[in-house]
């Protein structure tokens, strides 16, 4: 599938963003703020894990530390791994590669993520059968092109709970299925070989050791499974909501290619039509979600470190207004949640 149309807007936008960095003498990657943020997140992750496994003495301490560990795990995904996986963390390829592998440490696969997210999702946003992120099978209907089942009439109610199981499914099923079938959704991907396969295997060994092996030395299986569930539910809900508020909302479009497999829209315009920012004025949200509330800027410039998104958003929005192309934003987190709720209900009908 290919995109068509005039790319004048995209070229001018890139020129203006490049000018911003040159004028302010900022580097697009290798940012001191990002290194400090990485340190804070990793220290939080290690500290909450150690306290949970070795020092928690009662249920409320375990519950609190599990929630903190779930937040820290999501932070690794939103900030460290996500930037590194897009080569937005550092100019050095080796640094990006090792930082991207933090995903393997917390139970995902950086290899599969590259194909699922960086390749399929970022290229074919909100296009059914191409973007697997909008495909939840029979569980939900997120796109008008998807088949509607009778139970979807209640999806605006039950999906909020199911979002919490996102990470559990990822850990125990999805990655292994994708490797065995060499597919992501309906798209083919190359199976990992050599170093990539070894990295996948070692990542799973490290994760299952941290998640189950080591804790079982000190705690009963019931306790371990209980707090594993808390950590993953907290992580899963965060990951799911950030994606859904950016793409599965009323303001986003869900285009289909024509019979020849073409989208009659330039790639950059497609990104703008299918992507929505949320809560852009909330610095805490921006910090917590790794700048992914500026999803428009991320999709247009995925190789720029997310700490720059608030600044370049002003350049992007101004350019969009001048060229008469959409720049869509829900001004608060609550507004994004409400829009997603209404979209789920509409698709269920």
C-alpha atoms as a PDB file:
ATOM      1  CA  UNK A   1       0.000   0.000   0.000  1.00  0.00           C
ATOM      2  CA  UNK A   2       1.230   3.480  -0.881  1.00  0.00           C
ATOM      3  CA  UNK A   3       0.350   7.058  -0.070  1.00  0.00           C
ATOM      4  CA  UNK A   4      -0.028   9.641  -2.791  1.00  0.00           C
ATOM      5  CA  UNK A   5      -0.364  13.388  -3.108  1.00  0.00           C
ATOM      6  CA  UNK A   6       1.664  16.570  -2.781  1.00  0.00           C
ATOM      7  CA  UNK A   7       4.334  16.454  -0.046  1.00  0.00           C
ATOM      8  CA  UNK A   8       4.977  20.218  -0.009  1.00  0.00           C
ATOM      9  CA  UNK A   9       3.519  20.568   3.478  1.00  0.00           C
ATOM     10  CA  UNK A  10       5.705  17.806   4.892  1.00  0.00           C
ATOM     11  CA  UNK A  11       8.889  19.275   3.411  1.00  0.00           C
ATOM     12  CA  UNK A  12       8.112  22.738   4.765  1.00  0.00           C
ATOM     13  CA  UNK A  13       7.265  21.338   8.186  1.00  0.00           C
ATOM     14  CA  UNK A  14      10.546  19.443   8.363  1.00  0.00           C
ATOM     15  CA  UNK A  15      12.430  22.571   7.308  1.00  0.00           C
ATOM     16  CA  UNK A  16      10.824  24.643  10.068  1.00  0.00           C
ATOM     17  CA  UNK A  17      11.461  22.053  12.752  1.00  0.00           C
ATOM     18  CA  UNK A  18      15.096  21.688  11.654  1.00  0.00           C
ATOM     19  CA  UNK A  19      15.409  25.483  11.784  1.00  0.00           C
ATOM     20  CA  UNK A  20      14.070  25.479  15.352  1.00  0.00           C
ATOM     21  CA  UNK A  21      16.829  23.113  16.491  1.00  0.00           C
ATOM     22  CA  UNK A  22      19.563  25.018  14.663  1.00  0.00           C
ATOM     23  CA  UNK A  23      18.398  28.410  15.935  1.00  0.00           C
ATOM     24  CA  UNK A  24      18.215  27.229  19.542  1.00  0.00           C
ATOM     25  CA  UNK A  25      21.326  25.052  19.257  1.00  0.00           C
ATOM     26  CA  UNK A  26      19.513  22.015  20.615  1.00  0.00           C
ATOM     27  CA  UNK A  27      20.377  18.428  19.765  1.00  0.00           C
ATOM     28  CA  UNK A  28      17.464  16.276  18.637  1.00  0.00           C
ATOM     29  CA  UNK A  29      18.868  13.312  20.601  1.00  0.00           C
ATOM     30  CA  UNK A  30      21.399  12.706  23.422  1.00  0.00           C
ATOM     31  CA  UNK A  31      19.628  15.102  25.758  1.00  0.00           C
ATOM     32  CA  UNK A  32      20.765  15.608  29.379  1.00  0.00           C
ATOM     33  CA  UNK A  33      17.138  15.801  30.561  1.00  0.00           C
ATOM     34  CA  UNK A  34      16.495  12.410  28.994  1.00  0.00           C
ATOM     35  CA  UNK A  35      19.500  10.848  30.731  1.00  0.00           C
ATOM     36  CA  UNK A  36      18.349  12.238  34.082  1.00  0.00           C
ATOM     37  CA  UNK A  37      14.829  10.986  33.465  1.00  0.00           C
ATOM     38  CA  UNK A  38      16.176   7.537  32.576  1.00  0.00           C
ATOM     39  CA  UNK A  39      18.089   7.413  35.858  1.00  0.00           C
ATOM     40  CA  UNK A  40      15.029   8.385  37.902  1.00  0.00           C
ATOM     41  CA  UNK A  41      12.840   5.774  36.187  1.00  0.00           C
ATOM     42  CA  UNK A  42      15.328   2.911  36.466  1.00  0.00           C
ATOM     43  CA  UNK A  43      16.080   3.705  40.117  1.00  0.00           C
ATOM     44  CA  UNK A  44      12.320   3.757  40.809  1.00  0.00           C
ATOM     45  CA  UNK A  45      11.909   0.415  39.060  1.00  0.00           C
ATOM     46  CA  UNK A  46      14.779  -1.296  40.891  1.00  0.00           C
ATOM     47  CA  UNK A  47      13.863   0.184  44.277  1.00  0.00           C
ATOM     48  CA  UNK A  48      10.183  -0.774  44.073  1.00  0.00           C
ATOM     49  CA  UNK A  49      11.081  -4.292  42.867  1.00  0.00           C
ATOM     50  CA  UNK A  50      13.629  -4.887  45.637  1.00  0.00           C
ATOM     51  CA  UNK A  51      11.311  -3.519  48.320  1.00  0.00           C
ATOM     52  CA  UNK A  52       8.399  -5.617  47.042  1.00  0.00           C
ATOM     53  CA  UNK A  53      10.290  -8.902  46.790  1.00  0.00           C
ATOM     54  CA  UNK A  54      12.605  -8.654  49.806  1.00  0.00           C
ATOM     55  CA  UNK A  55      11.112  -6.218  52.326  1.00  0.00           C
ATOM     56  CA  UNK A  56       7.312  -5.957  52.013  1.00  0.00           C
ATOM     57  CA  UNK A  57       5.940  -7.279  55.314  1.00  0.00           C
ATOM     58  CA  UNK A  58       2.167  -7.070  54.869  1.00  0.00           C
ATOM     59  CA  UNK A  59      -0.521  -6.877  52.220  1.00  0.00           C
ATOM     60  CA  UNK A  60      -0.866  -3.085  52.070  1.00  0.00           C
ATOM     61  CA  UNK A  61       2.878  -2.623  51.572  1.00  0.00           C
ATOM     62  CA  UNK A  62       2.785  -5.250  48.834  1.00  0.00           C
ATOM     63  CA  UNK A  63      -0.188  -3.610  47.167  1.00  0.00           C
ATOM     64  CA  UNK A  64       1.391  -0.143  47.268  1.00  0.00           C
ATOM     65  CA  UNK A  65       4.776  -1.329  45.990  1.00  0.00           C
ATOM     66  CA  UNK A  66       3.117  -3.379  43.241  1.00  0.00           C
ATOM     67  CA  UNK A  67       1.285  -0.283  42.032  1.00  0.00           C
ATOM     68  CA  UNK A  68       4.515   1.745  42.112  1.00  0.00           C
ATOM     69  CA  UNK A  69       6.308  -1.020  40.205  1.00  0.00           C
ATOM     70  CA  UNK A  70       3.491  -1.036  37.635  1.00  0.00           C
ATOM     71  CA  UNK A  71       3.884   2.704  37.108  1.00  0.00           C
ATOM     72  CA  UNK A  72       7.679   2.374  36.836  1.00  0.00           C
ATOM     73  CA  UNK A  73       7.284  -0.442  34.303  1.00  0.00           C
ATOM     74  CA  UNK A  74       5.019   1.700  32.146  1.00  0.00           C
ATOM     75  CA  UNK A  75       7.536   4.538  32.501  1.00  0.00           C
ATOM     76  CA  UNK A  76      10.243   2.317  31.024  1.00  0.00           C
ATOM     77  CA  UNK A  77       7.987   1.591  28.074  1.00  0.00           C
ATOM     78  CA  UNK A  78       6.748   5.133  27.499  1.00  0.00           C
ATOM     79  CA  UNK A  79      10.073   6.863  27.932  1.00  0.00           C
ATOM     80  CA  UNK A  80      13.238   4.793  27.673  1.00  0.00           C
ATOM     81  CA  UNK A  81      12.305   1.915  25.390  1.00  0.00           C
ATOM     82  CA  UNK A  82       9.973   3.919  23.177  1.00  0.00           C
ATOM     83  CA  UNK A  83      12.491   6.630  22.353  1.00  0.00           C
ATOM     84  CA  UNK A  84      15.292   4.105  21.906  1.00  0.00           C
ATOM     85  CA  UNK A  85      13.166   1.858  19.699  1.00  0.00           C
ATOM     86  CA  UNK A  86      12.590   4.815  17.378  1.00  0.00           C
ATOM     87  CA  UNK A  87      16.325   5.753  17.461  1.00  0.00           C
ATOM     88  CA  UNK A  88      15.288   8.968  19.215  1.00  0.00           C
ATOM     89  CA  UNK A  89      17.256   8.340  22.400  1.00  0.00           C
ATOM     90  CA  UNK A  90      20.821   8.729  21.125  1.00  0.00           C
ATOM     91  CA  UNK A  91      22.846   9.348  17.991  1.00  0.00           C
ATOM     92  CA  UNK A  92      24.721   6.149  18.801  1.00  0.00           C
ATOM     93  CA  UNK A  93      23.075   3.038  17.468  1.00  0.00           C
ATOM     94  CA  UNK A  94      24.481   0.826  20.237  1.00  0.00           C
ATOM     95  CA  UNK A  95      22.957   3.052  22.932  1.00  0.00           C
ATOM     96  CA  UNK A  96      19.562   2.941  21.246  1.00  0.00           C
ATOM     97  CA  UNK A  97      19.795  -0.823  20.952  1.00  0.00           C
ATOM     98  CA  UNK A  98      20.572  -1.393  24.620  1.00  0.00           C
ATOM     99  CA  UNK A  99      17.988   1.088  25.844  1.00  0.00           C
ATOM    100  CA  UNK A 100      15.381  -0.534  23.583  1.00  0.00           C
ATOM    101  CA  UNK A 101      16.126  -3.845  25.286  1.00  0.00           C
ATOM    102  CA  UNK A 102      14.719  -2.510  28.534  1.00  0.00           C
ATOM    103  CA  UNK A 103      11.430  -3.686  27.030  1.00  0.00           C
ATOM    104  CA  UNK A 104      12.723  -7.267  27.073  1.00  0.00           C
ATOM    105  CA  UNK A 105      13.578  -6.841  30.758  1.00  0.00           C
ATOM    106  CA  UNK A 106       9.958  -5.998  31.606  1.00  0.00           C
ATOM    107  CA  UNK A 107       8.429  -8.780  29.527  1.00  0.00           C
ATOM    108  CA  UNK A 108       7.995  -7.521  25.971  1.00  0.00           C
ATOM    109  CA  UNK A 109      10.116  -8.111  22.883  1.00  0.00           C
ATOM    110  CA  UNK A 110      12.024  -5.223  21.358  1.00  0.00           C
ATOM    111  CA  UNK A 111      12.280  -7.215  18.119  1.00  0.00           C
ATOM    112  CA  UNK A 112       8.533  -7.729  17.739  1.00  0.00           C
ATOM    113  CA  UNK A 113       7.850  -4.181  18.928  1.00  0.00           C
ATOM    114  CA  UNK A 114       9.939  -2.839  16.051  1.00  0.00           C
ATOM    115  CA  UNK A 115       7.726  -4.560  13.486  1.00  0.00           C
ATOM    116  CA  UNK A 116       4.402  -4.130  15.256  1.00  0.00           C
ATOM    117  CA  UNK A 117       4.783  -0.521  16.346  1.00  0.00           C
ATOM    118  CA  UNK A 118       7.609   1.247  14.530  1.00  0.00           C
ATOM    119  CA  UNK A 119       6.888  -0.396  11.174  1.00  0.00           C
ATOM    120  CA  UNK A 120       3.211  -1.341  10.820  1.00  0.00           C
ATOM    121  CA  UNK A 121       1.534   1.084  13.223  1.00  0.00           C
ATOM    122  CA  UNK A 122       3.550   4.173  12.391  1.00  0.00           C
ATOM    123  CA  UNK A 123       3.285   3.657   8.643  1.00  0.00           C
ATOM    124  CA  UNK A 124      -0.369   2.612   8.418  1.00  0.00           C
ATOM    125  CA  UNK A 125      -2.071   4.348  11.344  1.00  0.00           C
ATOM    126  CA  UNK A 126      -5.749   3.396  11.790  1.00  0.00           C
ATOM    127  CA  UNK A 127      -5.906   1.404   8.546  1.00  0.00           C
ATOM    128  CA  UNK A 128      -7.708  -1.852   9.242  1.00  0.00           C
ATOM    129  CA  UNK A 129      -5.733  -5.032   8.399  1.00  0.00           C
ATOM    130  CA  UNK A 130      -2.488  -3.004   8.349  1.00  0.00           C
ATOM    131  CA  UNK A 131      -2.352  -1.403  11.804  1.00  0.00           C
ATOM    132  CA  UNK A 132      -2.657  -4.272  14.281  1.00  0.00           C
ATOM    133  CA  UNK A 133      -2.918  -1.817  17.185  1.00  0.00           C
ATOM    134  CA  UNK A 134      -6.560  -1.170  16.294  1.00  0.00           C
ATOM    135  CA  UNK A 135      -7.358  -4.873  15.968  1.00  0.00           C
ATOM    136  CA  UNK A 136      -8.604  -6.562  19.142  1.00  0.00           C
ATOM    137  CA  UNK A 137     -10.301  -9.371  17.237  1.00  0.00           C
ATOM    138  CA  UNK A 138     -13.796 -10.235  18.358  1.00  0.00           C
ATOM    139  CA  UNK A 139     -13.271  -8.500  21.708  1.00  0.00           C
ATOM    140  CA  UNK A 140     -13.874  -5.003  20.392  1.00  0.00           C
ATOM    141  CA  UNK A 141     -14.683  -2.930  17.337  1.00  0.00           C
ATOM    142  CA  UNK A 142     -12.427   0.119  17.071  1.00  0.00           C
ATOM    143  CA  UNK A 143     -12.733   0.839  13.347  1.00  0.00           C
ATOM    144  CA  UNK A 144     -15.821   1.286  11.134  1.00  0.00           C
ATOM    145  CA  UNK A 145     -14.345  -1.270   8.725  1.00  0.00           C
ATOM    146  CA  UNK A 146     -14.349  -4.023  11.345  1.00  0.00           C
ATOM    147  CA  UNK A 147     -17.128  -6.543  11.793  1.00  0.00           C
ATOM    148  CA  UNK A 148     -19.621  -5.768  14.522  1.00  0.00           C
ATOM    149  CA  UNK A 149     -20.671  -8.515  16.924  1.00  0.00           C
ATOM    150  CA  UNK A 150     -23.692  -8.393  19.218  1.00  0.00           C
ATOM    151  CA  UNK A 151     -21.627  -8.006  22.396  1.00  0.00           C
ATOM    152  CA  UNK A 152     -19.911  -4.860  21.091  1.00  0.00           C
ATOM    153  CA  UNK A 153     -22.965  -2.899  22.217  1.00  0.00           C
ATOM    154  CA  UNK A 154     -21.439  -3.095  25.717  1.00  0.00           C
ATOM    155  CA  UNK A 155     -17.801  -2.565  24.768  1.00  0.00           C
ATOM    156  CA  UNK A 156     -17.828   0.980  26.174  1.00  0.00           C
ATOM    157  CA  UNK A 157     -18.386  -0.677  29.569  1.00  0.00           C
ATOM    158  CA  UNK A 158     -16.339  -3.895  29.620  1.00  0.00           C
ATOM    159  CA  UNK A 159     -13.239  -2.772  27.676  1.00  0.00           C
ATOM    160  CA  UNK A 160     -11.939  -0.629  30.535  1.00  0.00           C
ATOM    161  CA  UNK A 161     -11.405  -3.773  32.598  1.00  0.00           C
ATOM    162  CA  UNK A 162      -9.929  -5.725  29.702  1.00  0.00           C
ATOM    163  CA  UNK A 163      -7.350  -2.996  29.089  1.00  0.00           C
ATOM    164  CA  UNK A 164      -5.739  -4.084  32.336  1.00  0.00           C
ATOM    165  CA  UNK A 165      -5.047  -7.532  30.856  1.00  0.00           C
ATOM    166  CA  UNK A 166      -3.078  -6.089  27.926  1.00  0.00           C
ATOM    167  CA  UNK A 167       0.319  -6.756  29.474  1.00  0.00           C
ATOM    168  CA  UNK A 168      -0.578 -10.219  30.799  1.00  0.00           C
ATOM    169  CA  UNK A 169      -1.575 -11.237  27.274  1.00  0.00           C
ATOM    170  CA  UNK A 170       1.633  -9.711  25.964  1.00  0.00           C
ATOM    171  CA  UNK A 171       3.780 -11.605  28.485  1.00  0.00           C
ATOM    172  CA  UNK A 172       2.196 -15.030  28.239  1.00  0.00           C
ATOM    173  CA  UNK A 173       0.785 -15.263  24.727  1.00  0.00           C
ATOM    174  CA  UNK A 174       1.201 -12.548  22.119  1.00  0.00           C
ATOM    175  CA  UNK A 175       4.975 -12.512  21.627  1.00  0.00           C
ATOM    176  CA  UNK A 176       5.188 -16.302  21.420  1.00  0.00           C
ATOM    177  CA  UNK A 177       2.298 -16.450  18.946  1.00  0.00           C
ATOM    178  CA  UNK A 178       3.904 -13.777  16.749  1.00  0.00           C
ATOM    179  CA  UNK A 179       7.241 -15.597  16.728  1.00  0.00           C
ATOM    180  CA  UNK A 180       5.690 -18.984  15.928  1.00  0.00           C
ATOM    181  CA  UNK A 181       3.411 -17.681  13.167  1.00  0.00           C
ATOM    182  CA  UNK A 182       5.824 -15.014  11.854  1.00  0.00           C
ATOM    183  CA  UNK A 183       2.848 -12.656  11.659  1.00  0.00           C
ATOM    184  CA  UNK A 184       1.594  -9.588  13.484  1.00  0.00           C
ATOM    185  CA  UNK A 185      -2.143  -9.449  13.002  1.00  0.00           C
ATOM    186  CA  UNK A 186      -2.548 -10.168   9.297  1.00  0.00           C
ATOM    187  CA  UNK A 187       0.907  -8.863   8.316  1.00  0.00           C
ATOM    188  CA  UNK A 188       3.965 -11.048   7.782  1.00  0.00           C
ATOM    189  CA  UNK A 189       7.195 -10.326   9.630  1.00  0.00           C
ATOM    190  CA  UNK A 190      10.612 -12.001   9.369  1.00  0.00           C
ATOM    191  CA  UNK A 191      11.352 -14.445  12.165  1.00  0.00           C
ATOM    192  CA  UNK A 192      14.272 -13.421  14.372  1.00  0.00           C
ATOM    193  CA  UNK A 193      17.513 -15.217  13.651  1.00  0.00           C
ATOM    194  CA  UNK A 194      20.996 -15.224  15.121  1.00  0.00           C
ATOM    195  CA  UNK A 195      21.505 -12.383  17.597  1.00  0.00           C
ATOM    196  CA  UNK A 196      17.872 -11.298  17.326  1.00  0.00           C
ATOM    197  CA  UNK A 197      16.633 -14.769  18.276  1.00  0.00           C
ATOM    198  CA  UNK A 198      19.153 -15.022  21.108  1.00  0.00           C
ATOM    199  CA  UNK A 199      18.052 -11.608  22.362  1.00  0.00           C
ATOM    200  CA  UNK A 200      14.418 -12.725  22.333  1.00  0.00           C
ATOM    201  CA  UNK A 201      15.176 -15.894  24.297  1.00  0.00           C
ATOM    202  CA  UNK A 202      17.462 -14.211  26.837  1.00  0.00           C
ATOM    203  CA  UNK A 203      14.939 -11.424  27.335  1.00  0.00           C
ATOM    204  CA  UNK A 204      12.215 -13.939  28.200  1.00  0.00           C
ATOM    205  CA  UNK A 205      14.546 -15.810  30.564  1.00  0.00           C
ATOM    206  CA  UNK A 206      15.464 -12.582  32.389  1.00  0.00           C
ATOM    207  CA  UNK A 207      11.855 -11.446  32.633  1.00  0.00           C
ATOM    208  CA  UNK A 208      10.412 -14.737  33.891  1.00  0.00           C
ATOM    209  CA  UNK A 209      13.238 -14.978  36.411  1.00  0.00           C
ATOM    210  CA  UNK A 210      12.452 -11.490  37.742  1.00  0.00           C
ATOM    211  CA  UNK A 211       8.684 -11.909  37.623  1.00  0.00           C
ATOM    212  CA  UNK A 212       8.357 -15.450  38.973  1.00  0.00           C
ATOM    213  CA  UNK A 213      11.628 -17.301  39.613  1.00  0.00           C
ATOM    214  CA  UNK A 214      13.210 -15.015  42.215  1.00  0.00           C
ATOM    215  CA  UNK A 215       9.970 -14.055  44.024  1.00  0.00           C
ATOM    216  CA  UNK A 216       9.007 -17.732  44.384  1.00  0.00           C
ATOM    217  CA  UNK A 217      12.145 -18.335  46.418  1.00  0.00           C
ATOM    218  CA  UNK A 218      10.774 -16.051  49.149  1.00  0.00           C
ATOM    219  CA  UNK A 219       6.982 -16.146  48.728  1.00  0.00           C
ATOM    220  CA  UNK A 220       4.172 -18.573  48.018  1.00  0.00           C
ATOM    221  CA  UNK A 221       2.864 -18.952  44.489  1.00  0.00           C
ATOM    222  CA  UNK A 222      -0.420 -17.321  45.485  1.00  0.00           C
ATOM    223  CA  UNK A 223       1.328 -14.192  46.742  1.00  0.00           C
ATOM    224  CA  UNK A 224       3.549 -14.005  43.670  1.00  0.00           C
ATOM    225  CA  UNK A 225       0.624 -14.368  41.265  1.00  0.00           C
ATOM    226  CA  UNK A 226      -1.433 -11.807  43.179  1.00  0.00           C
ATOM    227  CA  UNK A 227       1.184  -9.063  43.010  1.00  0.00           C
ATOM    228  CA  UNK A 228       2.169  -9.995  39.463  1.00  0.00           C
ATOM    229  CA  UNK A 229      -1.477  -9.382  38.554  1.00  0.00           C
ATOM    230  CA  UNK A 230      -1.469  -5.984  40.290  1.00  0.00           C
ATOM    231  CA  UNK A 231       1.742  -4.875  38.554  1.00  0.00           C
ATOM    232  CA  UNK A 232       0.560  -5.950  35.114  1.00  0.00           C
ATOM    233  CA  UNK A 233      -2.956  -4.550  35.510  1.00  0.00           C
ATOM    234  CA  UNK A 234      -1.583  -1.141  36.499  1.00  0.00           C
ATOM    235  CA  UNK A 235       0.899  -1.234  33.608  1.00  0.00           C
ATOM    236  CA  UNK A 236      -1.610  -2.499  31.058  1.00  0.00           C
ATOM    237  CA  UNK A 237      -4.227   0.112  31.828  1.00  0.00           C
ATOM    238  CA  UNK A 238      -1.683   2.901  31.360  1.00  0.00           C
ATOM    239  CA  UNK A 239      -0.337   1.542  28.084  1.00  0.00           C
ATOM    240  CA  UNK A 240      -3.767   0.900  26.593  1.00  0.00           C
ATOM    241  CA  UNK A 241      -5.241   4.264  27.511  1.00  0.00           C
ATOM    242  CA  UNK A 242      -2.377   6.318  26.094  1.00  0.00           C
ATOM    243  CA  UNK A 243      -2.734   4.582  22.732  1.00  0.00           C
ATOM    244  CA  UNK A 244      -6.523   4.755  22.673  1.00  0.00           C
ATOM    245  CA  UNK A 245      -6.623   8.470  23.507  1.00  0.00           C
ATOM    246  CA  UNK A 246      -4.341   9.156  20.552  1.00  0.00           C
ATOM    247  CA  UNK A 247      -6.073   7.117  17.852  1.00  0.00           C
ATOM    248  CA  UNK A 248      -9.375   5.529  18.933  1.00  0.00           C
ATOM    249  CA  UNK A 249     -11.326   8.712  19.535  1.00  0.00           C
ATOM    250  CA  UNK A 250     -14.061  10.621  17.711  1.00  0.00           C
ATOM    251  CA  UNK A 251     -11.662  13.128  16.157  1.00  0.00           C
ATOM    252  CA  UNK A 252      -9.459  10.521  14.446  1.00  0.00           C
ATOM    253  CA  UNK A 253     -10.216   9.164  10.987  1.00  0.00           C
ATOM    254  CA  UNK A 254     -10.062   5.528   9.866  1.00  0.00           C
ATOM    255  CA  UNK A 255      -9.328   5.596   6.111  1.00  0.00           C
ATOM    256  CA  UNK A 256      -9.351   2.676   3.708  1.00  0.00           C
ATOM    257  CA  UNK A 257      -7.131   2.174   0.646  1.00  0.00           C
ATOM    258  CA  UNK A 258      -8.738   2.029  -2.792  1.00  0.00           C
ATOM    259  CA  UNK A 259      -8.869  -1.118  -4.898  1.00  0.00           C
ATOM    260  CA  UNK A 260      -5.311  -0.589  -6.117  1.00  0.00           C
ATOM    261  CA  UNK A 261      -4.051  -0.352  -2.551  1.00  0.00           C
ATOM    262  CA  UNK A 262      -3.438   3.399  -2.457  1.00  0.00           C
ATOM    263  CA  UNK A 263      -4.384   6.073   0.058  1.00  0.00           C
ATOM    264  CA  UNK A 264      -5.163   9.285  -1.816  1.00  0.00           C
ATOM    265  CA  UNK A 265      -3.501  11.383   0.906  1.00  0.00           C
ATOM    266  CA  UNK A 266       0.138  12.302   1.533  1.00  0.00           C
ATOM    267  CA  UNK A 267       1.735  10.358   4.380  1.00  0.00           C
ATOM    268  CA  UNK A 268       2.117  13.380   6.685  1.00  0.00           C
ATOM    269  CA  UNK A 269      -1.512  14.440   6.210  1.00  0.00           C
ATOM    270  CA  UNK A 270      -2.574  10.879   6.950  1.00  0.00           C
ATOM    271  CA  UNK A 271      -0.714  11.035  10.267  1.00  0.00           C
ATOM    272  CA  UNK A 272      -2.515  14.254  11.167  1.00  0.00           C
ATOM    273  CA  UNK A 273      -5.954  12.961  10.223  1.00  0.00           C
ATOM    274  CA  UNK A 274      -5.579   9.753  12.257  1.00  0.00           C
ATOM    275  CA  UNK A 275      -3.825  11.128  15.349  1.00  0.00           C
ATOM    276  CA  UNK A 276      -5.021  13.324  18.218  1.00  0.00           C
ATOM    277  CA  UNK A 277      -3.063  15.015  21.012  1.00  0.00           C
ATOM    278  CA  UNK A 278      -4.400  15.162  24.552  1.00  0.00           C
ATOM    279  CA  UNK A 279      -3.663  17.177  27.680  1.00  0.00           C
ATOM    280  CA  UNK A 280      -0.889  19.265  26.060  1.00  0.00           C
ATOM    281  CA  UNK A 281      -0.703  21.825  28.897  1.00  0.00           C
ATOM    282  CA  UNK A 282      -0.264  19.275  31.687  1.00  0.00           C
ATOM    283  CA  UNK A 283       3.462  18.922  32.407  1.00  0.00           C
ATOM    284  CA  UNK A 284       2.944  15.992  34.780  1.00  0.00           C
ATOM    285  CA  UNK A 285       1.064  13.995  32.141  1.00  0.00           C
ATOM    286  CA  UNK A 286       3.750  14.864  29.593  1.00  0.00           C
ATOM    287  CA  UNK A 287       6.454  13.588  31.947  1.00  0.00           C
ATOM    288  CA  UNK A 288       4.613  10.408  32.880  1.00  0.00           C
ATOM    289  CA  UNK A 289       3.647   9.298  29.365  1.00  0.00           C
ATOM    290  CA  UNK A 290       6.945  10.172  27.716  1.00  0.00           C
ATOM    291  CA  UNK A 291       5.520  13.022  25.664  1.00  0.00           C
ATOM    292  CA  UNK A 292       3.031  10.683  23.993  1.00  0.00           C
ATOM    293  CA  UNK A 293       0.231  13.103  24.750  1.00  0.00           C
ATOM    294  CA  UNK A 294       1.926  14.990  21.870  1.00  0.00           C
ATOM    295  CA  UNK A 295       1.187  12.053  19.617  1.00  0.00           C
ATOM    296  CA  UNK A 296       1.008  14.215  16.488  1.00  0.00           C
ATOM    297  CA  UNK A 297       4.580  15.411  16.930  1.00  0.00           C
ATOM    298  CA  UNK A 298       5.686  11.875  17.685  1.00  0.00           C
ATOM    299  CA  UNK A 299       4.142  10.459  14.520  1.00  0.00           C
ATOM    300  CA  UNK A 300       5.557  13.196  12.318  1.00  0.00           C
ATOM    301  CA  UNK A 301       9.017  13.159  13.961  1.00  0.00           C
ATOM    302  CA  UNK A 302       9.494   9.768  15.648  1.00  0.00           C
ATOM    303  CA  UNK A 303      13.300  10.139  15.672  1.00  0.00           C
ATOM    304  CA  UNK A 304      13.250  13.297  17.801  1.00  0.00           C
ATOM    305  CA  UNK A 305      13.559  12.762  21.567  1.00  0.00           C
ATOM    306  CA  UNK A 306      10.211  13.260  23.277  1.00  0.00           C
ATOM    307  CA  UNK A 307      11.517  15.944  25.657  1.00  0.00           C
ATOM    308  CA  UNK A 308      11.354  18.340  22.676  1.00  0.00           C
ATOM    309  CA  UNK A 309       7.716  17.639  21.746  1.00  0.00           C
ATOM    310  CA  UNK A 310       6.108  20.495  23.723  1.00  0.00           C
ATOM    311  CA  UNK A 311       8.426  23.021  22.074  1.00  0.00           C
ATOM    312  CA  UNK A 312       8.125  21.784  18.498  1.00  0.00           C
ATOM    313  CA  UNK A 313       4.358  21.387  18.888  1.00  0.00           C
ATOM    314  CA  UNK A 314       4.042  25.150  18.504  1.00  0.00           C
ATOM    315  CA  UNK A 315       5.911  24.963  15.181  1.00  0.00           C
ATOM    316  CA  UNK A 316       3.798  22.029  14.014  1.00  0.00           C
ATOM    317  CA  UNK A 317       0.462  23.593  14.980  1.00  0.00           C
ATOM    318  CA  UNK A 318       1.301  26.934  13.361  1.00  0.00           C
ATOM    319  CA  UNK A 319       2.340  25.231  10.122  1.00  0.00           C
ATOM    320  CA  UNK A 320      -0.810  23.105  10.098  1.00  0.00           C
ATOM    321  CA  UNK A 321      -3.000  26.189  10.492  1.00  0.00           C
ATOM    322  CA  UNK A 322      -1.199  27.961   7.641  1.00  0.00           C
ATOM    323  CA  UNK A 323      -1.645  25.005   5.287  1.00  0.00           C
ATOM    324  CA  UNK A 324      -5.216  24.291   6.338  1.00  0.00           C
ATOM    325  CA  UNK A 325      -4.541  20.736   7.522  1.00  0.00           C
ATOM    326  CA  UNK A 326      -6.001  19.255  10.722  1.00  0.00           C
ATOM    327  CA  UNK A 327      -4.279  19.580  14.076  1.00  0.00           C
ATOM    328  CA  UNK A 328      -6.560  17.867  16.579  1.00  0.00           C
ATOM    329  CA  UNK A 329      -6.293  18.102  20.349  1.00  0.00           C
ATOM    330  CA  UNK A 330      -8.332  17.140  23.384  1.00  0.00           C
ATOM    331  CA  UNK A 331      -7.328  19.779  25.907  1.00  0.00           C
ATOM    332  CA  UNK A 332      -7.418  17.495  28.946  1.00  0.00           C
ATOM    333  CA  UNK A 333      -6.965  13.849  29.862  1.00  0.00           C
ATOM    334  CA  UNK A 334     -10.615  13.703  30.877  1.00  0.00           C
ATOM    335  CA  UNK A 335     -11.720  15.073  27.502  1.00  0.00           C
ATOM    336  CA  UNK A 336      -9.708  12.351  25.792  1.00  0.00           C
ATOM    337  CA  UNK A 337     -11.256   9.656  27.981  1.00  0.00           C
ATOM    338  CA  UNK A 338     -14.748  10.982  27.215  1.00  0.00           C
ATOM    339  CA  UNK A 339     -14.037  11.023  23.478  1.00  0.00           C
ATOM    340  CA  UNK A 340     -12.765   7.440  23.580  1.00  0.00           C
ATOM    341  CA  UNK A 341     -15.840   6.363  25.546  1.00  0.00           C
ATOM    342  CA  UNK A 342     -18.156   7.941  22.972  1.00  0.00           C
ATOM    343  CA  UNK A 343     -16.219   6.323  20.119  1.00  0.00           C
ATOM    344  CA  UNK A 344     -16.467   2.873  21.703  1.00  0.00           C
ATOM    345  CA  UNK A 345     -20.197   3.361  22.160  1.00  0.00           C
ATOM    346  CA  UNK A 346     -20.627   4.559  18.579  1.00  0.00           C
ATOM    347  CA  UNK A 347     -18.698   1.570  17.183  1.00  0.00           C
ATOM    348  CA  UNK A 348     -20.732  -0.760  19.399  1.00  0.00           C
ATOM    349  CA  UNK A 349     -23.926   0.509  17.828  1.00  0.00           C
END
